[in-house]
Amino acid sequence: RQNMASALAVAGEFERLSGPHPRLLNLYYAGLSYPLPGELYISDPFLYSLLWNAGKLDPAPVLADLAARAYDGVIVSADLVDSPETRSGSLGRALLENYGDRRHFPEFDYLVRK
């Protein structure tokens, strides 16, 4: 019961930060179990990162969407944003340049579009 209340509180906070029915990019975890509002893009970020790093999938569309601020918010792990490797890469730069208001939640961080 408390877990559901916490999950609904997170969903409400997302809507407060990003408006009703936000476009959310999931760069955190495929098993994200929160009942999130709006539309969730990228269902399995680990698989996408493997494909991007192996050169099997071009990350350009996601990078272009980040640069265009197409998402209202991005769900990430704190490690992703804080990692020097990520900060120096194209994904990290696109995130930091376009999504700046960082909110900490127990399981993940949420970056709000600038």
Protein backbone atom coordinates (compact mmCIF):
# COMPACT_ATOMS: atom_id res chain seq x y z
CA ARG A 1 0.00 0.00 0.00
CA GLN A 2 2.79 2.41 0.90
CA ASN A 3 4.73 1.44 -2.26
CA MET A 4 1.72 2.34 -4.42
CA ALA A 5 1.32 5.64 -2.58
CA SER A 6 5.01 6.38 -3.17
CA ALA A 7 4.71 5.49 -6.85
CA LEU A 8 1.67 7.73 -7.27
CA ALA A 9 3.52 10.54 -5.50
CA VAL A 10 6.40 10.20 -7.98
CA ALA A 11 3.96 10.26 -10.92
CA GLY A 12 2.32 13.37 -9.46
CA GLU A 13 5.69 15.05 -9.06
CA PHE A 14 6.57 14.31 -12.70
CA GLU A 15 3.32 15.96 -13.78
CA ARG A 16 3.98 18.92 -11.49
CA LEU A 17 7.45 19.38 -12.97
CA SER A 18 6.66 18.64 -16.61
CA GLY A 19 2.93 19.17 -17.06
CA PRO A 20 0.14 16.72 -17.76
CA HIS A 21 0.87 13.80 -20.08
CA PRO A 22 4.64 14.42 -20.33
CA ARG A 23 6.96 12.83 -22.88
CA LEU A 24 9.50 10.90 -20.78
CA LEU A 25 12.78 9.38 -21.94
CA ASN A 26 13.80 6.35 -19.89
CA LEU A 27 17.57 6.05 -19.67
CA TYR A 28 17.38 4.33 -16.29
CA TYR A 29 16.04 0.78 -16.25
CA ALA A 30 13.80 -1.50 -18.30
CA GLY A 31 11.99 -2.76 -15.20
CA LEU A 32 10.87 0.69 -14.14
CA SER A 33 7.70 -0.23 -12.29
CA TYR A 34 6.27 3.15 -11.46
CA PRO A 35 2.89 4.00 -13.00
CA LEU A 36 4.30 6.98 -14.86
CA PRO A 37 2.16 9.61 -16.54
CA GLY A 38 2.40 10.41 -20.22
CA GLU A 39 4.42 8.56 -22.84
CA LEU A 40 7.57 6.62 -22.00
CA TYR A 41 10.26 6.35 -24.69
CA ILE A 42 12.95 3.64 -24.73
CA SER A 43 11.68 0.58 -22.96
CA ASP A 44 15.08 -1.06 -22.39
CA PRO A 45 17.89 1.49 -21.99
CA PHE A 46 20.51 -1.20 -21.27
CA LEU A 47 19.81 -2.92 -24.59
CA TYR A 48 19.87 0.42 -26.42
CA SER A 49 23.22 1.33 -24.85
CA LEU A 50 24.67 -2.03 -25.89
CA LEU A 51 23.47 -1.52 -29.46
CA TRP A 52 24.75 2.08 -29.54
CA ASN A 53 28.16 1.10 -28.15
CA ALA A 54 28.47 -1.83 -30.56
CA GLY A 55 27.66 0.38 -33.54
CA LYS A 56 24.56 -1.68 -34.34
CA LEU A 57 22.13 1.20 -33.72
CA ASP A 58 22.72 4.86 -34.46
CA PRO A 59 22.15 7.05 -31.38
CA ALA A 60 21.70 10.14 -33.61
CA PRO A 61 17.87 10.19 -33.42
CA VAL A 62 17.91 10.19 -29.61
CA LEU A 63 20.67 12.80 -29.52
CA ALA A 64 18.70 14.98 -31.96
CA ASP A 65 15.58 14.65 -29.81
CA LEU A 66 17.57 15.63 -26.72
CA ALA A 67 19.07 18.64 -28.52
CA ALA A 68 15.58 19.66 -29.68
CA ARG A 69 14.30 19.19 -26.12
CA ALA A 70 11.64 16.83 -27.47
CA TYR A 71 11.17 15.16 -24.10
CA ASP A 72 9.65 16.90 -21.09
CA GLY A 73 11.92 14.93 -18.79
CA VAL A 74 14.56 12.22 -18.72
CA ILE A 75 14.75 9.43 -16.14
CA VAL A 76 18.37 8.52 -15.36
CA SER A 77 20.52 6.87 -12.74
CA ALA A 78 22.59 9.28 -10.69
CA ASP A 79 25.66 7.40 -11.92
CA LEU A 80 24.85 8.22 -15.53
CA VAL A 81 24.85 11.97 -14.95
CA ASP A 82 27.76 11.99 -12.49
CA SER A 83 30.07 9.73 -14.50
CA PRO A 84 33.03 11.58 -16.10
CA GLU A 85 32.78 9.23 -19.10
CA THR A 86 29.13 10.12 -19.63
CA ARG A 87 29.72 13.84 -19.14
CA SER A 88 32.36 13.83 -21.87
CA GLY A 89 30.30 11.80 -24.35
CA SER A 90 27.67 13.03 -26.77
CA LEU A 91 24.78 11.64 -24.70
CA GLY A 92 26.00 13.30 -21.51
CA ARG A 93 26.56 16.63 -23.25
CA ALA A 94 23.09 16.53 -24.82
CA LEU A 95 21.55 15.77 -21.43
CA LEU A 96 23.44 18.45 -19.53
CA GLU A 97 22.95 21.13 -22.18
CA ASN A 98 19.20 20.61 -22.53
CA TYR A 99 17.94 19.10 -19.27
CA GLY A 100 19.09 20.91 -16.20
CA ASP A 101 16.69 20.86 -13.28
CA ARG A 102 17.72 17.63 -11.56
CA ARG A 103 15.40 16.03 -9.02
CA HIS A 104 16.46 13.09 -6.87
CA PHE A 105 14.07 10.21 -6.19
CA PRO A 106 14.90 7.08 -4.18
CA GLU A 107 15.63 4.90 -7.22
CA PHE A 108 16.58 7.39 -9.94
CA ASP A 109 17.05 11.02 -10.88
CA TYR A 110 14.75 13.05 -13.10
CA LEU A 111 16.08 15.75 -15.41
CA VAL A 112 13.56 18.39 -16.45
CA ARG A 113 13.79 20.10 -19.82
CA LYS A 114 15.37 23.56 -19.69
